[in-house]
Amino acid sequence: ASRVLALFAAAESVKPGQKPPGGL
């Protein structure tokens, strides 16, 4: 749940060094 919220909030990137897109 924490990881999904962080991804959705653009607080965490899938790939290192890449700007997180946020959202779905």
PDB file of all heavy atoms in Angstrom:
ATOM      1  N   ALA A   1       0.828  -1.206   0.000  1.00  0.00           N
ATOM      2  CA  ALA A   1       0.000   0.000   0.000  1.00  0.00           C
ATOM      3  C   ALA A   1       0.862   1.256   0.000  1.00  0.00           C
ATOM      4  O   ALA A   1       0.572   2.233  -0.718  1.00  0.00           O
ATOM      5  CB  ALA A   1      -0.932  -0.011   1.204  1.00  0.00           C
ATOM      6  N   SER A   2       1.929   1.273   0.793  1.00  0.00           N
ATOM      7  CA  SER A   2       2.818   2.442   0.834  1.00  0.00           C
ATOM      8  C   SER A   2       3.489   2.656  -0.515  1.00  0.00           C
ATOM      9  O   SER A   2       3.634   3.794  -0.993  1.00  0.00           O
ATOM     10  CB  SER A   2       3.870   2.262   1.928  1.00  0.00           C
ATOM     11  OG  SER A   2       3.272   2.164   3.197  1.00  0.00           O
ATOM     12  N   ARG A   3       3.933   1.539  -1.156  1.00  0.00           N
ATOM     13  CA  ARG A   3       4.594   1.655  -2.459  1.00  0.00           C
ATOM     14  C   ARG A   3       3.629   2.155  -3.527  1.00  0.00           C
ATOM     15  O   ARG A   3       3.970   3.024  -4.342  1.00  0.00           O
ATOM     16  CB  ARG A   3       5.142   0.279  -2.857  1.00  0.00           C
ATOM     17  CG  ARG A   3       5.880   0.270  -4.219  1.00  0.00           C
ATOM     18  CD  ARG A   3       7.247   0.896  -4.093  1.00  0.00           C
ATOM     19  NE  ARG A   3       7.902   1.068  -5.360  1.00  0.00           N
ATOM     20  CZ  ARG A   3       8.585   0.096  -6.015  1.00  0.00           C
ATOM     21  NH1 ARG A   3       8.650  -1.134  -5.501  1.00  0.00           N
ATOM     22  NH2 ARG A   3       9.197   0.368  -7.139  1.00  0.00           N
ATOM     23  N   VAL A   4       2.407   1.646  -3.534  1.00  0.00           N
ATOM     24  CA  VAL A   4       1.421   2.082  -4.524  1.00  0.00           C
ATOM     25  C   VAL A   4       1.089   3.559  -4.350  1.00  0.00           C
ATOM     26  O   VAL A   4       1.007   4.323  -5.325  1.00  0.00           O
ATOM     27  CB  VAL A   4       0.147   1.219  -4.433  1.00  0.00           C
ATOM     28  CG1 VAL A   4      -0.974   1.815  -5.272  1.00  0.00           C
ATOM     29  CG2 VAL A   4       0.425  -0.196  -4.897  1.00  0.00           C
ATOM     30  N   LEU A   5       0.899   4.003  -3.108  1.00  0.00           N
ATOM     31  CA  LEU A   5       0.611   5.424  -2.861  1.00  0.00           C
ATOM     32  C   LEU A   5       1.783   6.305  -3.281  1.00  0.00           C
ATOM     33  O   LEU A   5       1.593   7.397  -3.837  1.00  0.00           O
ATOM     34  CB  LEU A   5       0.277   5.643  -1.383  1.00  0.00           C
ATOM     35  CG  LEU A   5      -1.131   5.229  -0.935  1.00  0.00           C
ATOM     36  CD1 LEU A   5      -1.279   5.391   0.575  1.00  0.00           C
ATOM     37  CD2 LEU A   5      -2.196   6.063  -1.649  1.00  0.00           C
ATOM     38  N   ALA A   6       3.001   5.844  -3.002  1.00  0.00           N
ATOM     39  CA  ALA A   6       4.178   6.642  -3.374  1.00  0.00           C
ATOM     40  C   ALA A   6       4.299   6.751  -4.893  1.00  0.00           C
ATOM     41  O   ALA A   6       4.624   7.817  -5.433  1.00  0.00           O
ATOM     42  CB  ALA A   6       5.434   6.021  -2.775  1.00  0.00           C
ATOM     43  N   LEU A   7       4.067   5.638  -5.589  1.00  0.00           N
ATOM     44  CA  LEU A   7       4.104   5.693  -7.054  1.00  0.00           C
ATOM     45  C   LEU A   7       3.020   6.630  -7.591  1.00  0.00           C
ATOM     46  O   LEU A   7       3.268   7.443  -8.494  1.00  0.00           O
ATOM     47  CB  LEU A   7       3.909   4.287  -7.629  1.00  0.00           C
ATOM     48  CG  LEU A   7       5.065   3.303  -7.473  1.00  0.00           C
ATOM     49  CD1 LEU A   7       4.634   1.905  -7.891  1.00  0.00           C
ATOM     50  CD2 LEU A   7       6.268   3.753  -8.296  1.00  0.00           C
ATOM     51  N   PHE A   8       1.814   6.502  -7.066  1.00  0.00           N
ATOM     52  CA  PHE A   8       0.696   7.327  -7.533  1.00  0.00           C
ATOM     53  C   PHE A   8       0.938   8.805  -7.242  1.00  0.00           C
ATOM     54  O   PHE A   8       0.544   9.680  -8.022  1.00  0.00           O
ATOM     55  CB  PHE A   8      -0.595   6.857  -6.867  1.00  0.00           C
ATOM     56  CG  PHE A   8      -1.832   7.456  -7.463  1.00  0.00           C
ATOM     57  CD1 PHE A   8      -2.379   6.945  -8.629  1.00  0.00           C
ATOM     58  CD2 PHE A   8      -2.464   8.535  -6.864  1.00  0.00           C
ATOM     59  CE1 PHE A   8      -3.524   7.502  -9.185  1.00  0.00           C
ATOM     60  CE2 PHE A   8      -3.606   9.099  -7.411  1.00  0.00           C
ATOM     61  CZ  PHE A   8      -4.143   8.574  -8.581  1.00  0.00           C
ATOM     62  N   ALA A   9       1.609   9.105  -6.120  1.00  0.00           N
ATOM     63  CA  ALA A   9       1.865  10.493  -5.735  1.00  0.00           C
ATOM     64  C   ALA A   9       3.107  11.067  -6.383  1.00  0.00           C
ATOM     65  O   ALA A   9       3.509  12.197  -6.050  1.00  0.00           O
ATOM     66  CB  ALA A   9       1.989  10.580  -4.215  1.00  0.00           C
ATOM     67  N   ALA A  10       3.722  10.319  -7.296  1.00  0.00           N
ATOM     68  CA  ALA A  10       4.938  10.770  -7.972  1.00  0.00           C
ATOM     69  C   ALA A  10       6.066  11.024  -6.986  1.00  0.00           C
ATOM     70  O   ALA A  10       6.938  11.862  -7.215  1.00  0.00           O
ATOM     71  CB  ALA A  10       4.667  12.032  -8.801  1.00  0.00           C
ATOM     72  N   ALA A  11       6.037  10.290  -5.872  1.00  0.00           N
ATOM     73  CA  ALA A  11       7.095  10.429  -4.877  1.00  0.00           C
ATOM     74  C   ALA A  11       8.171   9.373  -5.047  1.00  0.00           C
ATOM     75  O   ALA A  11       9.195   9.411  -4.361  1.00  0.00           O
ATOM     76  CB  ALA A  11       6.500  10.339  -3.465  1.00  0.00           C
ATOM     77  N   GLU A  12       7.961   8.422  -5.945  1.00  0.00           N
ATOM     78  CA  GLU A  12       8.914   7.324  -6.140  1.00  0.00           C
ATOM     79  C   GLU A  12       8.941   6.973  -7.611  1.00  0.00           C
ATOM     80  O   GLU A  12       7.900   6.927  -8.277  1.00  0.00           O
ATOM     81  CB  GLU A  12       8.496   6.111  -5.304  1.00  0.00           C
ATOM     82  CG  GLU A  12       9.477   4.953  -5.376  1.00  0.00           C
ATOM     83  CD  GLU A  12       9.057   3.807  -4.480  1.00  0.00           C
ATOM     84  OE1 GLU A  12       8.481   4.083  -3.405  1.00  0.00           O
ATOM     85  OE2 GLU A  12       9.300   2.648  -4.861  1.00  0.00           O
ATOM     86  N   SER A  13      10.136   6.736  -8.121  1.00  0.00           N
ATOM     87  CA  SER A  13      10.309   6.429  -9.530  1.00  0.00           C
ATOM     88  C   SER A  13      10.475   4.937  -9.727  1.00  0.00           C
ATOM     89  O   SER A  13      11.053   4.247  -8.884  1.00  0.00           O
ATOM     90  CB  SER A  13      11.524   7.169 -10.101  1.00  0.00           C
ATOM     91  OG  SER A  13      11.725   6.838 -11.449  1.00  0.00           O
ATOM     92  N   VAL A  14       9.956   4.451 -10.840  1.00  0.00           N
ATOM     93  CA  VAL A  14      10.111   3.039 -11.170  1.00  0.00           C
ATOM     94  C   VAL A  14      11.554   2.735 -11.539  1.00  0.00           C
ATOM     95  O   VAL A  14      12.131   1.733 -11.128  1.00  0.00           O
ATOM     96  CB  VAL A  14       9.167   2.652 -12.330  1.00  0.00           C
ATOM     97  CG1 VAL A  14       9.387   1.205 -12.761  1.00  0.00           C
ATOM     98  CG2 VAL A  14       7.720   2.873 -11.929  1.00  0.00           C
ATOM     99  N   LYS A  15      12.142   3.640 -12.345  1.00  0.00           N
ATOM    100  CA  LYS A  15      13.530   3.476 -12.769  1.00  0.00           C
ATOM    101  C   LYS A  15      14.385   4.542 -12.102  1.00  0.00           C
ATOM    102  O   LYS A  15      14.010   5.716 -12.088  1.00  0.00           O
ATOM    103  CB  LYS A  15      13.633   3.595 -14.288  1.00  0.00           C
ATOM    104  CG  LYS A  15      12.848   2.536 -15.041  1.00  0.00           C
ATOM    105  CD  LYS A  15      12.960   2.738 -16.546  1.00  0.00           C
ATOM    106  CE  LYS A  15      12.144   1.694 -17.301  1.00  0.00           C
ATOM    107  NZ  LYS A  15      12.218   1.892 -18.775  1.00  0.00           N
ATOM    108  N   PRO A  16      15.544   4.163 -11.545  1.00  0.00           N
ATOM    109  CA  PRO A  16      16.422   5.143 -10.897  1.00  0.00           C
ATOM    110  C   PRO A  16      16.841   6.238 -11.872  1.00  0.00           C
ATOM    111  O   PRO A  16      17.156   5.982 -13.031  1.00  0.00           O
ATOM    112  CB  PRO A  16      17.625   4.300 -10.453  1.00  0.00           C
ATOM    113  CG  PRO A  16      17.105   2.904 -10.401  1.00  0.00           C
ATOM    114  CD  PRO A  16      16.074   2.798 -11.467  1.00  0.00           C
ATOM    115  N   GLY A  17      16.818   7.479 -11.373  1.00  0.00           N
ATOM    116  CA  GLY A  17      17.231   8.610 -12.197  1.00  0.00           C
ATOM    117  C   GLY A  17      16.166   9.142 -13.114  1.00  0.00           C
ATOM    118  O   GLY A  17      16.352  10.177 -13.755  1.00  0.00           O
ATOM    119  N   GLN A  18      15.024   8.475 -13.195  1.00  0.00           N
ATOM    120  CA  GLN A  18      13.929   8.912 -14.070  1.00  0.00           C
ATOM    121  C   GLN A  18      12.914   9.704 -13.263  1.00  0.00           C
ATOM    122  O   GLN A  18      12.582   9.337 -12.138  1.00  0.00           O
ATOM    123  CB  GLN A  18      13.258   7.707 -14.718  1.00  0.00           C
ATOM    124  CG  GLN A  18      12.156   8.080 -15.715  1.00  0.00           C
ATOM    125  CD  GLN A  18      11.427   6.860 -16.227  1.00  0.00           C
ATOM    126  OE1 GLN A  18      11.025   5.997 -15.452  1.00  0.00           O
ATOM    127  NE2 GLN A  18      11.280   6.770 -17.537  1.00  0.00           N
ATOM    128  N   LYS A  19      12.410  10.795 -13.857  1.00  0.00           N
ATOM    129  CA  LYS A  19      11.406  11.597 -13.173  1.00  0.00           C
ATOM    130  C   LYS A  19      10.126  10.785 -13.036  1.00  0.00           C
ATOM    131  O   LYS A  19       9.610  10.259 -14.031  1.00  0.00           O
ATOM    132  CB  LYS A  19      11.121  12.882 -13.954  1.00  0.00           C
ATOM    133  CG  LYS A  19      10.112  13.786 -13.267  1.00  0.00           C
ATOM    134  CD  LYS A  19       9.863  15.045 -14.079  1.00  0.00           C
ATOM    135  CE  LYS A  19       8.813  15.920 -13.409  1.00  0.00           C
ATOM    136  NZ  LYS A  19       8.529  17.145 -14.188  1.00  0.00           N
ATOM    137  N   PRO A  20       9.613  10.656 -11.802  1.00  0.00           N
ATOM    138  CA  PRO A  20       8.399   9.842 -11.621  1.00  0.00           C
ATOM    139  C   PRO A  20       7.204  10.495 -12.303  1.00  0.00           C
ATOM    140  O   PRO A  20       6.960  11.689 -12.139  1.00  0.00           O
ATOM    141  CB  PRO A  20       8.228   9.795 -10.099  1.00  0.00           C
ATOM    142  CG  PRO A  20       8.958  10.995  -9.589  1.00  0.00           C
ATOM    143  CD  PRO A  20      10.111  11.221 -10.528  1.00  0.00           C
ATOM    144  N   PRO A  21       6.443   9.725 -13.106  1.00  0.00           N
ATOM    145  CA  PRO A  21       5.300  10.315 -13.808  1.00  0.00           C
ATOM    146  C   PRO A  21       4.108  10.571 -12.904  1.00  0.00           C
ATOM    147  O   PRO A  21       3.348  11.511 -13.110  1.00  0.00           O
ATOM    148  CB  PRO A  21       4.970   9.268 -14.872  1.00  0.00           C
ATOM    149  CG  PRO A  21       5.436   7.979 -14.292  1.00  0.00           C
ATOM    150  CD  PRO A  21       6.649   8.314 -13.454  1.00  0.00           C
ATOM    151  N   GLY A  22       3.906   9.734 -11.878  1.00  0.00           N
ATOM    152  CA  GLY A  22       2.751   9.882 -11.010  1.00  0.00           C
ATOM    153  C   GLY A  22       1.490   9.367 -11.665  1.00  0.00           C
ATOM    154  O   GLY A  22       1.424   9.088 -12.862  1.00  0.00           O
ATOM    155  N   GLY A  23       0.425   9.197 -10.846  1.00  0.00           N
ATOM    156  CA  GLY A  23      -0.859   8.769 -11.359  1.00  0.00           C
ATOM    157  C   GLY A  23      -0.868   7.316 -11.776  1.00  0.00           C
ATOM    158  O   GLY A  23       0.012   6.520 -11.456  1.00  0.00           O
ATOM    159  N   LEU A  24      -1.902   6.960 -12.529  1.00  0.00           N
ATOM    160  CA  LEU A  24      -2.053   5.582 -12.991  1.00  0.00           C
ATOM    161  C   LEU A  24      -0.955   5.187 -13.962  1.00  0.00           C
ATOM    162  O   LEU A  24      -0.632   3.997 -14.090  1.00  0.00           O
ATOM    163  CB  LEU A  24      -3.418   5.416 -13.651  1.00  0.00           C
ATOM    164  CG  LEU A  24      -4.633   5.614 -12.730  1.00  0.00           C
ATOM    165  CD1 LEU A  24      -5.914   5.574 -13.538  1.00  0.00           C
ATOM    166  CD2 LEU A  24      -4.659   4.575 -11.623  1.00  0.00           C
TER     167      LEU A  24
END
